[in-house]
């Protein structure tokens, strides 16, 4: 389960993306989390998903 706190979510998602998944879609599908919700929550604290880096920046 992904953390609810946006800062913790950022750390969690970037760790998962770096170590286990080739892209955000695969990560969200495997973790059973809503991609749009993750993107929205992290956008609220100024982060966006960078496909080339496969991380939120």
N, C-alpha and C. Protein backbone atom coordinates (compact mmCIF):
# COMPACT_ATOMS: atom_id res chain seq x y z
N UNK A 1 0.84 -1.18 0.00
CA UNK A 1 0.00 0.00 0.00
C UNK A 1 0.89 1.25 0.00
N UNK A 2 0.56 2.19 -0.84
CA UNK A 2 1.33 3.42 -0.97
C UNK A 2 0.98 4.38 0.18
N UNK A 3 1.97 5.13 0.66
CA UNK A 3 1.71 6.10 1.73
C UNK A 3 0.72 7.18 1.29
N UNK A 4 0.00 7.72 2.23
CA UNK A 4 -0.96 8.81 1.95
C UNK A 4 -0.28 10.17 1.95
N UNK A 5 0.71 10.36 2.80
CA UNK A 5 1.42 11.63 2.89
C UNK A 5 2.19 11.87 1.58
N UNK A 6 2.01 13.04 0.94
CA UNK A 6 2.66 13.29 -0.36
C UNK A 6 4.18 13.18 -0.34
N UNK A 7 4.84 13.64 0.71
CA UNK A 7 6.30 13.58 0.76
C UNK A 7 6.76 12.13 0.90
N UNK A 8 6.08 11.37 1.72
CA UNK A 8 6.41 9.94 1.87
C UNK A 8 6.09 9.19 0.56
N UNK A 9 4.99 9.58 -0.08
CA UNK A 9 4.62 8.98 -1.35
C UNK A 9 5.70 9.23 -2.41
N UNK A 10 6.23 10.42 -2.44
CA UNK A 10 7.30 10.76 -3.38
C UNK A 10 8.50 9.83 -3.19
N UNK A 11 8.94 9.70 -1.97
CA UNK A 11 10.08 8.84 -1.67
C UNK A 11 9.78 7.39 -2.02
N UNK A 12 8.62 6.91 -1.65
CA UNK A 12 8.19 5.54 -1.91
C UNK A 12 8.14 5.25 -3.40
N UNK A 13 7.49 6.14 -4.16
CA UNK A 13 7.34 5.92 -5.60
C UNK A 13 8.69 5.96 -6.31
N UNK A 14 9.53 6.92 -5.98
CA UNK A 14 10.82 6.99 -6.65
C UNK A 14 11.69 5.78 -6.33
N UNK A 15 11.62 5.28 -5.12
CA UNK A 15 12.35 4.06 -4.76
C UNK A 15 11.84 2.88 -5.59
N UNK A 16 10.54 2.71 -5.65
CA UNK A 16 9.96 1.60 -6.41
C UNK A 16 10.29 1.72 -7.89
N UNK A 17 10.17 2.93 -8.43
CA UNK A 17 10.47 3.13 -9.84
C UNK A 17 11.94 2.85 -10.14
N UNK A 18 12.81 3.28 -9.28
CA UNK A 18 14.24 3.09 -9.48
C UNK A 18 14.63 1.61 -9.39
N UNK A 19 14.09 0.91 -8.40
CA UNK A 19 14.57 -0.43 -8.10
C UNK A 19 13.77 -1.59 -8.72
N UNK A 20 12.52 -1.34 -9.07
CA UNK A 20 11.67 -2.47 -9.45
C UNK A 20 10.88 -2.34 -10.75
N UNK A 21 10.62 -1.14 -11.23
CA UNK A 21 9.69 -0.98 -12.34
C UNK A 21 10.28 -0.16 -13.48
N UNK A 22 9.89 -0.53 -14.70
CA UNK A 22 10.40 0.18 -15.87
C UNK A 22 9.62 1.45 -16.18
N UNK A 23 8.40 1.59 -15.63
CA UNK A 23 7.64 2.82 -15.82
C UNK A 23 6.54 2.94 -14.77
N UNK A 24 5.91 4.11 -14.75
CA UNK A 24 4.89 4.40 -13.74
C UNK A 24 3.67 3.52 -13.91
N UNK A 25 3.28 3.22 -15.13
CA UNK A 25 2.11 2.38 -15.35
C UNK A 25 2.30 0.99 -14.75
N UNK A 26 3.46 0.39 -14.96
CA UNK A 26 3.75 -0.93 -14.40
C UNK A 26 3.76 -0.89 -12.88
N UNK A 27 4.34 0.16 -12.34
CA UNK A 27 4.41 0.32 -10.88
C UNK A 27 3.01 0.41 -10.28
N UNK A 28 2.20 1.29 -10.83
CA UNK A 28 0.85 1.48 -10.29
C UNK A 28 -0.01 0.23 -10.45
N UNK A 29 0.13 -0.45 -11.57
CA UNK A 29 -0.64 -1.68 -11.79
C UNK A 29 -0.26 -2.74 -10.76
N UNK A 30 1.02 -2.90 -10.52
CA UNK A 30 1.47 -3.92 -9.58
C UNK A 30 1.13 -3.57 -8.14
N UNK A 31 1.20 -2.29 -7.81
CA UNK A 31 0.91 -1.86 -6.44
C UNK A 31 -0.58 -1.60 -6.22
N UNK A 32 -1.36 -1.75 -7.28
CA UNK A 32 -2.80 -1.52 -7.23
C UNK A 32 -3.14 -0.13 -6.71
N UNK A 33 -2.47 0.87 -7.29
CA UNK A 33 -2.79 2.25 -6.93
C UNK A 33 -3.19 3.02 -8.19
N UNK A 34 -3.96 4.07 -8.00
CA UNK A 34 -4.47 4.86 -9.10
C UNK A 34 -3.40 5.82 -9.61
N UNK A 35 -2.98 5.63 -10.86
CA UNK A 35 -1.91 6.45 -11.44
C UNK A 35 -2.25 7.93 -11.39
N UNK A 36 -3.48 8.28 -11.78
CA UNK A 36 -3.89 9.68 -11.80
C UNK A 36 -3.85 10.31 -10.41
N UNK A 37 -4.23 9.54 -9.41
CA UNK A 37 -4.20 10.04 -8.04
C UNK A 37 -2.76 10.28 -7.57
N UNK A 38 -1.87 9.36 -7.89
CA UNK A 38 -0.45 9.52 -7.53
C UNK A 38 0.11 10.76 -8.20
N UNK A 39 -0.14 10.91 -9.50
CA UNK A 39 0.36 12.08 -10.24
C UNK A 39 -0.21 13.36 -9.65
N UNK A 40 -1.49 13.36 -9.33
CA UNK A 40 -2.13 14.56 -8.77
C UNK A 40 -1.55 14.93 -7.40
N UNK A 41 -1.41 13.94 -6.53
CA UNK A 41 -0.88 14.19 -5.19
C UNK A 41 0.54 14.75 -5.25
N UNK A 42 1.35 14.21 -6.14
CA UNK A 42 2.73 14.68 -6.23
C UNK A 42 2.82 16.02 -6.95
N UNK A 43 1.90 16.30 -7.84
CA UNK A 43 1.85 17.62 -8.49
C UNK A 43 1.53 18.70 -7.46
N UNK A 44 0.74 18.35 -6.46
CA UNK A 44 0.38 19.31 -5.40
C UNK A 44 1.60 19.80 -4.63
N UNK A 45 2.66 18.99 -4.59
CA UNK A 45 3.88 19.42 -3.89
C UNK A 45 5.00 19.76 -4.88
N UNK A 46 4.61 19.95 -6.15
CA UNK A 46 5.56 20.46 -7.14
C UNK A 46 6.36 19.43 -7.91
N UNK A 47 5.92 18.18 -7.94
CA UNK A 47 6.65 17.14 -8.66
C UNK A 47 5.84 16.62 -9.83
N UNK A 48 6.54 16.24 -10.88
CA UNK A 48 5.90 15.66 -12.05
C UNK A 48 6.68 14.41 -12.44
N UNK A 49 6.02 13.49 -13.12
CA UNK A 49 6.68 12.26 -13.56
C UNK A 49 7.48 12.54 -14.83
N UNK A 50 8.75 12.19 -14.81
CA UNK A 50 9.63 12.33 -15.96
C UNK A 50 9.84 10.93 -16.54
N UNK A 51 9.28 10.68 -17.73
CA UNK A 51 9.35 9.35 -18.33
C UNK A 51 10.78 8.94 -18.66
N UNK A 52 11.59 9.87 -19.11
CA UNK A 52 12.98 9.54 -19.46
C UNK A 52 13.78 9.07 -18.24
N UNK A 53 13.59 9.75 -17.13
CA UNK A 53 14.29 9.40 -15.90
C UNK A 53 13.59 8.29 -15.12
N UNK A 54 12.32 8.08 -15.44
CA UNK A 54 11.49 7.14 -14.70
C UNK A 54 11.47 7.49 -13.21
N UNK A 55 11.21 8.75 -12.95
CA UNK A 55 11.10 9.21 -11.56
C UNK A 55 10.32 10.52 -11.51
N UNK A 56 9.90 10.86 -10.31
CA UNK A 56 9.26 12.15 -10.11
C UNK A 56 10.35 13.17 -9.80
N UNK A 57 10.29 14.28 -10.52
CA UNK A 57 11.29 15.34 -10.36
C UNK A 57 10.63 16.66 -10.07
